[in-house]
């Protein structure tokens, strides 16, 4: 049953990311960057908050984190975006995108984990 929940939530996360991808067309992949940063923040928050909520089952928590946020965020798109930027001669933009994504993702996950840990017990 857990596989079904993860698959359904993953379909929702991937569909949302796909739809958001149409919002911006340009050289810099801002939407992918924002999706990955927001996903890191939410994943951190849910990881530390959901286990303390008694009414949320482990299946639902896994569907929300691994399923929805795992499909919503995208390392493969991030990687292809960077290779494309590099190949097209935008090396500084690619290097900046890598740094902002990695450092920003780390910071967002850390902030999310701390926010989830500070949340009121439910």
Foldseek 3Di string as FASTA:
>chain_A
DLVVLLQVLQVVLLVVLVVQQVVDDDLASPSLLVQLLVLLLQLLQLVLAVVLDVVQDPSNSCSNNCRRSVNNHDPPVLVVSLVVCVVVPNPVSSVVSVVCSVVSSVVSSVNSNVVNNPDDGD
